[in-house]
Amino acid sequence: LMIETKVDFTIFFRELCKMPKHWSDLKTS
C-alpha cells in the first residue's frame, strides 16, 4: 500500500503513533 500510494516513510509511521481509526488521518503522509 505504501508503494502504490507514494507514502512518506517517516511521516507515515509517526502519524500512525496517533492511533488513527480512519485512513484519512494518514493523508498527511
PDB file of all heavy atoms in Angstrom:
ATOM      1  N   LEU A   1       0.827  -1.205   0.000  1.00  0.00           N
ATOM      2  CA  LEU A   1       0.000   0.000   0.000  1.00  0.00           C
ATOM      3  C   LEU A   1       0.862   1.257   0.000  1.00  0.00           C
ATOM      4  O   LEU A   1       0.555   2.242  -0.684  1.00  0.00           O
ATOM      5  CB  LEU A   1      -0.923  -0.001   1.224  1.00  0.00           C
ATOM      6  CG  LEU A   1      -2.114  -0.950   1.172  1.00  0.00           C
ATOM      7  CD1 LEU A   1      -2.800  -1.018   2.538  1.00  0.00           C
ATOM      8  CD2 LEU A   1      -3.114  -0.497   0.106  1.00  0.00           C
ATOM      9  N   MET A   2       1.955   1.227   0.754  1.00  0.00           N
ATOM     10  CA  MET A   2       2.844   2.384   0.810  1.00  0.00           C
ATOM     11  C   MET A   2       3.489   2.650  -0.541  1.00  0.00           C
ATOM     12  O   MET A   2       3.658   3.806  -0.944  1.00  0.00           O
ATOM     13  CB  MET A   2       3.926   2.168   1.882  1.00  0.00           C
ATOM     14  CG  MET A   2       3.389   2.179   3.312  1.00  0.00           C
ATOM     15  SD  MET A   2       4.647   1.739   4.543  1.00  0.00           S
ATOM     16  CE  MET A   2       5.648   3.232   4.559  1.00  0.00           C
ATOM     17  N   ILE A   3       3.823   1.590  -1.264  1.00  0.00           N
ATOM     18  CA  ILE A   3       4.421   1.751  -2.595  1.00  0.00           C
ATOM     19  C   ILE A   3       3.393   2.311  -3.576  1.00  0.00           C
ATOM     20  O   ILE A   3       3.670   3.271  -4.313  1.00  0.00           O
ATOM     21  CB  ILE A   3       4.963   0.393  -3.101  1.00  0.00           C
ATOM     22  CG1 ILE A   3       6.164  -0.050  -2.266  1.00  0.00           C
ATOM     23  CG2 ILE A   3       5.358   0.497  -4.574  1.00  0.00           C
ATOM     24  CD1 ILE A   3       6.586  -1.487  -2.509  1.00  0.00           C
ATOM     25  N   GLU A   4       2.201   1.744  -3.580  1.00  0.00           N
ATOM     26  CA  GLU A   4       1.171   2.169  -4.524  1.00  0.00           C
ATOM     27  C   GLU A   4       0.703   3.595  -4.251  1.00  0.00           C
ATOM     28  O   GLU A   4       0.340   4.333  -5.168  1.00  0.00           O
ATOM     29  CB  GLU A   4      -0.029   1.218  -4.458  1.00  0.00           C
ATOM     30  CG  GLU A   4       0.256  -0.173  -5.009  1.00  0.00           C
ATOM     31  CD  GLU A   4      -0.967  -1.068  -4.963  1.00  0.00           C
ATOM     32  OE1 GLU A   4      -2.099  -0.538  -5.045  1.00  0.00           O
ATOM     33  OE2 GLU A   4      -0.803  -2.294  -4.833  1.00  0.00           O
ATOM     34  N   THR A   5       0.754   4.010  -2.999  1.00  0.00           N
ATOM     35  CA  THR A   5       0.217   5.314  -2.607  1.00  0.00           C
ATOM     36  C   THR A   5       1.262   6.425  -2.661  1.00  0.00           C
ATOM     37  O   THR A   5       0.913   7.598  -2.681  1.00  0.00           O
ATOM     38  CB  THR A   5      -0.361   5.215  -1.174  1.00  0.00           C
ATOM     39  OG1 THR A   5      -1.306   4.140  -1.122  1.00  0.00           O
ATOM     40  CG2 THR A   5      -1.048   6.499  -0.765  1.00  0.00           C
ATOM     41  N   LYS A   6       2.548   6.051  -2.687  1.00  0.00           N
ATOM     42  CA  LYS A   6       3.639   7.022  -2.560  1.00  0.00           C
ATOM     43  C   LYS A   6       3.539   7.732  -1.206  1.00  0.00           C
ATOM     44  O   LYS A   6       3.087   8.870  -1.095  1.00  0.00           O
ATOM     45  CB  LYS A   6       3.651   8.030  -3.707  1.00  0.00           C
ATOM     46  CG  LYS A   6       3.979   7.406  -5.051  1.00  0.00           C
ATOM     47  CD  LYS A   6       4.149   8.463  -6.138  1.00  0.00           C
ATOM     48  CE  LYS A   6       4.535   7.813  -7.456  1.00  0.00           C
ATOM     49  NZ  LYS A   6       4.662   8.796  -8.559  1.00  0.00           N
ATOM     50  N   VAL A   7       3.989   7.010  -0.206  1.00  0.00           N
ATOM     51  CA  VAL A   7       3.867   7.454   1.176  1.00  0.00           C
ATOM     52  C   VAL A   7       5.231   7.919   1.693  1.00  0.00           C
ATOM     53  O   VAL A   7       6.254   7.319   1.375  1.00  0.00           O
ATOM     54  CB  VAL A   7       3.332   6.297   2.054  1.00  0.00           C
ATOM     55  CG1 VAL A   7       3.492   6.586   3.529  1.00  0.00           C
ATOM     56  CG2 VAL A   7       1.873   6.034   1.733  1.00  0.00           C
ATOM     57  N   ASP A   8       5.249   8.967   2.497  1.00  0.00           N
ATOM     58  CA  ASP A   8       6.470   9.401   3.160  1.00  0.00           C
ATOM     59  C   ASP A   8       6.750   8.462   4.327  1.00  0.00           C
ATOM     60  O   ASP A   8       5.944   8.318   5.244  1.00  0.00           O
ATOM     61  CB  ASP A   8       6.337  10.834   3.670  1.00  0.00           C
ATOM     62  CG  ASP A   8       7.658  11.380   4.173  1.00  0.00           C
ATOM     63  OD1 ASP A   8       7.997  11.122   5.349  1.00  0.00           O
ATOM     64  OD2 ASP A   8       8.350  12.052   3.394  1.00  0.00           O
ATOM     65  N   PHE A   9       7.921   7.817   4.291  1.00  0.00           N
ATOM     66  CA  PHE A   9       8.251   6.774   5.259  1.00  0.00           C
ATOM     67  C   PHE A   9       8.190   7.280   6.696  1.00  0.00           C
ATOM     68  O   PHE A   9       7.544   6.677   7.558  1.00  0.00           O
ATOM     69  CB  PHE A   9       9.654   6.234   4.947  1.00  0.00           C
ATOM     70  CG  PHE A   9      10.104   5.106   5.831  1.00  0.00           C
ATOM     71  CD1 PHE A   9       9.646   3.818   5.621  1.00  0.00           C
ATOM     72  CD2 PHE A   9      10.993   5.329   6.872  1.00  0.00           C
ATOM     73  CE1 PHE A   9      10.062   2.768   6.426  1.00  0.00           C
ATOM     74  CE2 PHE A   9      11.423   4.298   7.687  1.00  0.00           C
ATOM     75  CZ  PHE A   9      10.957   3.007   7.462  1.00  0.00           C
ATOM     76  N   THR A  10       8.852   8.381   6.981  1.00  0.00           N
ATOM     77  CA  THR A  10       8.931   8.885   8.357  1.00  0.00           C
ATOM     78  C   THR A  10       7.593   9.437   8.830  1.00  0.00           C
ATOM     79  O   THR A  10       7.136   9.135   9.941  1.00  0.00           O
ATOM     80  CB  THR A  10      10.021   9.964   8.467  1.00  0.00           C
ATOM     81  OG1 THR A  10      11.287   9.381   8.138  1.00  0.00           O
ATOM     82  CG2 THR A  10      10.077  10.545   9.870  1.00  0.00           C
ATOM     83  N   ILE A  11       6.956  10.258   8.003  1.00  0.00           N
ATOM     84  CA  ILE A  11       5.693  10.882   8.419  1.00  0.00           C
ATOM     85  C   ILE A  11       4.612   9.833   8.629  1.00  0.00           C
ATOM     86  O   ILE A  11       3.824   9.908   9.588  1.00  0.00           O
ATOM     87  CB  ILE A  11       5.257  11.951   7.398  1.00  0.00           C
ATOM     88  CG1 ILE A  11       6.270  13.104   7.383  1.00  0.00           C
ATOM     89  CG2 ILE A  11       3.857  12.479   7.732  1.00  0.00           C
ATOM     90  CD1 ILE A  11       5.969  14.182   6.351  1.00  0.00           C
ATOM     91  N   PHE A  12       4.558   8.821   7.772  1.00  0.00           N
ATOM     92  CA  PHE A  12       3.534   7.783   7.920  1.00  0.00           C
ATOM     93  C   PHE A  12       3.626   7.113   9.290  1.00  0.00           C
ATOM     94  O   PHE A  12       2.618   7.023  10.022  1.00  0.00           O
ATOM     95  CB  PHE A  12       3.649   6.722   6.823  1.00  0.00           C
ATOM     96  CG  PHE A  12       2.755   5.541   7.063  1.00  0.00           C
ATOM     97  CD1 PHE A  12       1.402   5.600   6.737  1.00  0.00           C
ATOM     98  CD2 PHE A  12       3.239   4.386   7.665  1.00  0.00           C
ATOM     99  CE1 PHE A  12       0.559   4.524   7.002  1.00  0.00           C
ATOM    100  CE2 PHE A  12       2.407   3.309   7.932  1.00  0.00           C
ATOM    101  CZ  PHE A  12       1.060   3.378   7.598  1.00  0.00           C
ATOM    102  N   PHE A  13       4.798   6.627   9.640  1.00  0.00           N
ATOM    103  CA  PHE A  13       4.907   5.888  10.906  1.00  0.00           C
ATOM    104  C   PHE A  13       4.712   6.806  12.115  1.00  0.00           C
ATOM    105  O   PHE A  13       4.197   6.368  13.149  1.00  0.00           O
ATOM    106  CB  PHE A  13       6.244   5.155  10.981  1.00  0.00           C
ATOM    107  CG  PHE A  13       6.261   3.864  10.206  1.00  0.00           C
ATOM    108  CD1 PHE A  13       6.902   3.777   8.985  1.00  0.00           C
ATOM    109  CD2 PHE A  13       5.606   2.738  10.692  1.00  0.00           C
ATOM    110  CE1 PHE A  13       6.901   2.584   8.262  1.00  0.00           C
ATOM    111  CE2 PHE A  13       5.595   1.542   9.982  1.00  0.00           C
ATOM    112  CZ  PHE A  13       6.244   1.466   8.766  1.00  0.00           C
ATOM    113  N   ARG A  14       5.084   8.064  11.975  1.00  0.00           N
ATOM    114  CA  ARG A  14       4.848   8.991  13.091  1.00  0.00           C
ATOM    115  C   ARG A  14       3.354   9.267  13.246  1.00  0.00           C
ATOM    116  O   ARG A  14       2.834   9.319  14.368  1.00  0.00           O
ATOM    117  CB  ARG A  14       5.609  10.291  12.860  1.00  0.00           C
ATOM    118  CG  ARG A  14       5.534  11.248  14.048  1.00  0.00           C
ATOM    119  CD  ARG A  14       6.259  10.703  15.268  1.00  0.00           C
ATOM    120  NE  ARG A  14       6.200  11.647  16.383  1.00  0.00           N
ATOM    121  CZ  ARG A  14       7.025  11.643  17.407  1.00  0.00           C
ATOM    122  NH1 ARG A  14       7.981  10.734  17.484  1.00  0.00           N
ATOM    123  NH2 ARG A  14       6.902  12.536  18.369  1.00  0.00           N
ATOM    124  N   GLU A  15       2.643   9.427  12.137  1.00  0.00           N
ATOM    125  CA  GLU A  15       1.206   9.662  12.211  1.00  0.00           C
ATOM    126  C   GLU A  15       0.478   8.425  12.742  1.00  0.00           C
ATOM    127  O   GLU A  15      -0.559   8.535  13.419  1.00  0.00           O
ATOM    128  CB  GLU A  15       0.661  10.044  10.838  1.00  0.00           C
ATOM    129  CG  GLU A  15       1.116  11.408  10.338  1.00  0.00           C
ATOM    130  CD  GLU A  15       0.723  12.533  11.274  1.00  0.00           C
ATOM    131  OE1 GLU A  15      -0.482  12.684  11.547  1.00  0.00           O
ATOM    132  OE2 GLU A  15       1.629  13.262  11.742  1.00  0.00           O
ATOM    133  N   LEU A  16       1.020   7.257  12.465  1.00  0.00           N
ATOM    134  CA  LEU A  16       0.416   6.026  12.982  1.00  0.00           C
ATOM    135  C   LEU A  16       0.480   5.978  14.509  1.00  0.00           C
ATOM    136  O   LEU A  16      -0.347   5.320  15.150  1.00  0.00           O
ATOM    137  CB  LEU A  16       1.135   4.810  12.384  1.00  0.00           C
ATOM    138  CG  LEU A  16       0.381   3.474  12.393  1.00  0.00           C
ATOM    139  CD1 LEU A  16      -0.879   3.549  11.524  1.00  0.00           C
ATOM    140  CD2 LEU A  16       1.286   2.344  11.920  1.00  0.00           C
ATOM    141  N   CYS A  17       1.438   6.694  15.080  1.00  0.00           N
ATOM    142  CA  CYS A  17       1.542   6.762  16.548  1.00  0.00           C
ATOM    143  C   CYS A  17       0.328   7.433  17.180  1.00  0.00           C
ATOM    144  O   CYS A  17       0.112   7.333  18.392  1.00  0.00           O
ATOM    145  CB  CYS A  17       2.804   7.520  16.958  1.00  0.00           C
ATOM    146  SG  CYS A  17       4.354   6.760  16.424  1.00  0.00           S
ATOM    147  N   LYS A  18      -0.468   8.138  16.372  1.00  0.00           N
ATOM    148  CA  LYS A  18      -1.683   8.804  16.880  1.00  0.00           C
ATOM    149  C   LYS A  18      -2.866   7.849  16.967  1.00  0.00           C
ATOM    150  O   LYS A  18      -3.980   8.258  17.309  1.00  0.00           O
ATOM    151  CB  LYS A  18      -2.034   9.994  15.989  1.00  0.00           C
ATOM    152  CG  LYS A  18      -0.973  11.091  15.990  1.00  0.00           C
ATOM    153  CD  LYS A  18      -1.343  12.221  15.027  1.00  0.00           C
ATOM    154  CE  LYS A  18      -0.285  13.309  14.996  1.00  0.00           C
ATOM    155  NZ  LYS A  18      -0.611  14.384  14.022  1.00  0.00           N
ATOM    156  N   MET A  19      -2.638   6.583  16.635  1.00  0.00           N
ATOM    157  CA  MET A  19      -3.669   5.538  16.721  1.00  0.00           C
ATOM    158  C   MET A  19      -4.905   5.871  15.882  1.00  0.00           C
ATOM    159  O   MET A  19      -6.034   5.869  16.370  1.00  0.00           O
ATOM    160  CB  MET A  19      -4.077   5.302  18.187  1.00  0.00           C
ATOM    161  CG  MET A  19      -2.949   4.805  19.059  1.00  0.00           C
ATOM    162  SD  MET A  19      -2.603   3.083  18.706  1.00  0.00           S
ATOM    163  CE  MET A  19      -0.959   2.903  19.367  1.00  0.00           C
ATOM    164  N   PRO A  20      -4.722   6.160  14.610  1.00  0.00           N
ATOM    165  CA  PRO A  20      -5.868   6.547  13.771  1.00  0.00           C
ATOM    166  C   PRO A  20      -6.830   5.381  13.544  1.00  0.00           C
ATOM    167  O   PRO A  20      -6.421   4.217  13.503  1.00  0.00           O
ATOM    168  CB  PRO A  20      -5.201   6.973  12.458  1.00  0.00           C
ATOM    169  CG  PRO A  20      -3.927   6.187  12.414  1.00  0.00           C
ATOM    170  CD  PRO A  20      -3.461   6.102  13.831  1.00  0.00           C
ATOM    171  N   LYS A  21      -8.093   5.740  13.366  1.00  0.00           N
ATOM    172  CA  LYS A  21      -9.105   4.725  13.067  1.00  0.00           C
ATOM    173  C   LYS A  21      -9.561   4.820  11.606  1.00  0.00           C
ATOM    174  O   LYS A  21     -10.125   3.865  11.073  1.00  0.00           O
ATOM    175  CB  LYS A  21     -10.316   4.913  13.995  1.00  0.00           C
ATOM    176  CG  LYS A  21     -10.037   4.632  15.474  1.00  0.00           C
ATOM    177  CD  LYS A  21      -9.752   3.158  15.705  1.00  0.00           C
ATOM    178  CE  LYS A  21      -9.579   2.836  17.182  1.00  0.00           C
ATOM    179  NZ  LYS A  21     -10.827   2.882  17.949  1.00  0.00           N
ATOM    180  N   HIS A  22      -9.317   5.968  10.988  1.00  0.00           N
ATOM    181  CA  HIS A  22      -9.776   6.163   9.607  1.00  0.00           C
ATOM    182  C   HIS A  22      -8.576   6.492   8.722  1.00  0.00           C
ATOM    183  O   HIS A  22      -7.675   7.239   9.110  1.00  0.00           O
ATOM    184  CB  HIS A  22     -10.815   7.289   9.533  1.00  0.00           C
ATOM    185  CG  HIS A  22     -11.570   7.321   8.240  1.00  0.00           C
ATOM    186  ND1 HIS A  22     -11.152   8.063   7.159  1.00  0.00           N
ATOM    187  CD2 HIS A  22     -12.707   6.681   7.853  1.00  0.00           C
ATOM    188  CE1 HIS A  22     -11.996   7.884   6.156  1.00  0.00           C
ATOM    189  NE2 HIS A  22     -12.957   7.054   6.553  1.00  0.00           N
ATOM    190  N   TRP A  23      -8.588   5.954   7.496  1.00  0.00           N
ATOM    191  CA  TRP A  23      -7.444   6.111   6.589  1.00  0.00           C
ATOM    192  C   TRP A  23      -7.117   7.577   6.307  1.00  0.00           C
ATOM    193  O   TRP A  23      -5.943   7.936   6.096  1.00  0.00           O
ATOM    194  CB  TRP A  23      -7.719   5.387   5.261  1.00  0.00           C
ATOM    195  CG  TRP A  23      -8.698   6.102   4.375  1.00  0.00           C
ATOM    196  CD1 TRP A  23     -10.039   5.923   4.326  1.00  0.00           C
ATOM    197  CD2 TRP A  23      -8.387   7.136   3.428  1.00  0.00           C
ATOM    198  NE1 TRP A  23     -10.612   6.784   3.409  1.00  0.00           N
ATOM    199  CE2 TRP A  23      -9.618   7.528   2.845  1.00  0.00           C
ATOM    200  CE3 TRP A  23      -7.220   7.756   3.014  1.00  0.00           C
ATOM    201  CZ2 TRP A  23      -9.690   8.525   1.870  1.00  0.00           C
ATOM    202  CZ3 TRP A  23      -7.295   8.743   2.048  1.00  0.00           C
ATOM    203  CH2 TRP A  23      -8.519   9.117   1.488  1.00  0.00           C
ATOM    204  N   SER A  24      -8.120   8.444   6.336  1.00  0.00           N
ATOM    205  CA  SER A  24      -7.890   9.854   6.004  1.00  0.00           C
ATOM    206  C   SER A  24      -6.978  10.536   7.021  1.00  0.00           C
ATOM    207  O   SER A  24      -6.377  11.576   6.721  1.00  0.00           O
ATOM    208  CB  SER A  24      -9.222  10.601   5.903  1.00  0.00           C
ATOM    209  OG  SER A  24      -9.924  10.538   7.127  1.00  0.00           O
ATOM    210  N   ASP A  25      -6.861   9.947   8.221  1.00  0.00           N
ATOM    211  CA  ASP A  25      -5.969  10.521   9.227  1.00  0.00           C
ATOM    212  C   ASP A  25      -4.491  10.330   8.866  1.00  0.00           C
ATOM    213  O   ASP A  25      -3.617  10.894   9.524  1.00  0.00           O
ATOM    214  CB  ASP A  25      -6.240   9.881  10.592  1.00  0.00           C
ATOM    215  CG  ASP A  25      -7.634  10.215  11.114  1.00  0.00           C
ATOM    216  OD1 ASP A  25      -8.117  11.322  10.825  1.00  0.00           O
ATOM    217  OD2 ASP A  25      -8.239   9.359  11.789  1.00  0.00           O
ATOM    218  N   LEU A  26      -4.245   9.518   7.844  1.00  0.00           N
ATOM    219  CA  LEU A  26      -2.879   9.278   7.400  1.00  0.00           C
ATOM    220  C   LEU A  26      -2.517  10.082   6.154  1.00  0.00           C
ATOM    221  O   LEU A  26      -1.392  10.001   5.662  1.00  0.00           O
ATOM    222  CB  LEU A  26      -2.676   7.783   7.116  1.00  0.00           C
ATOM    223  CG  LEU A  26      -2.815   6.840   8.319  1.00  0.00           C
ATOM    224  CD1 LEU A  26      -2.862   5.392   7.842  1.00  0.00           C
ATOM    225  CD2 LEU A  26      -1.672   7.043   9.306  1.00  0.00           C
ATOM    226  N   LYS A  27      -3.483  10.844   5.628  1.00  0.00           N
ATOM    227  CA  LYS A  27      -3.287  11.541   4.353  1.00  0.00           C
ATOM    228  C   LYS A  27      -2.118  12.521   4.372  1.00  0.00           C
ATOM    229  O   LYS A  27      -1.560  12.829   3.321  1.00  0.00           O
ATOM    230  CB  LYS A  27      -4.563  12.286   3.940  1.00  0.00           C
ATOM    231  CG  LYS A  27      -5.629  11.391   3.350  1.00  0.00           C
ATOM    232  CD  LYS A  27      -6.608  12.156   2.478  1.00  0.00           C
ATOM    233  CE  LYS A  27      -7.225  13.340   3.185  1.00  0.00           C
ATOM    234  NZ  LYS A  27      -8.247  14.012   2.339  1.00  0.00           N
ATOM    235  N   THR A  28      -1.746  13.015   5.521  1.00  0.00           N
ATOM    236  CA  THR A  28      -0.632  13.959   5.585  1.00  0.00           C
ATOM    237  C   THR A  28       0.673  13.319   5.135  1.00  0.00           C
ATOM    238  O   THR A  28       1.633  14.027   4.817  1.00  0.00           O
ATOM    239  CB  THR A  28      -0.447  14.514   7.008  1.00  0.00           C
ATOM    240  OG1 THR A  28      -0.364  13.417   7.928  1.00  0.00           O
ATOM    241  CG2 THR A  28      -1.597  15.419   7.408  1.00  0.00           C
ATOM    242  N   SER A  29       0.723  11.994   5.102  1.00  0.00           N
ATOM    243  CA  SER A  29       1.943  11.297   4.671  1.00  0.00           C
ATOM    244  C   SER A  29       1.877  10.874   3.207  1.00  0.00           C
ATOM    245  O   SER A  29       2.833  10.302   2.691  1.00  0.00           O
ATOM    246  CB  SER A  29       2.190  10.061   5.544  1.00  0.00           C
ATOM    247  OG  SER A  29       1.206   9.068   5.323  1.00  0.00           O
TER     248      SER A  29
END
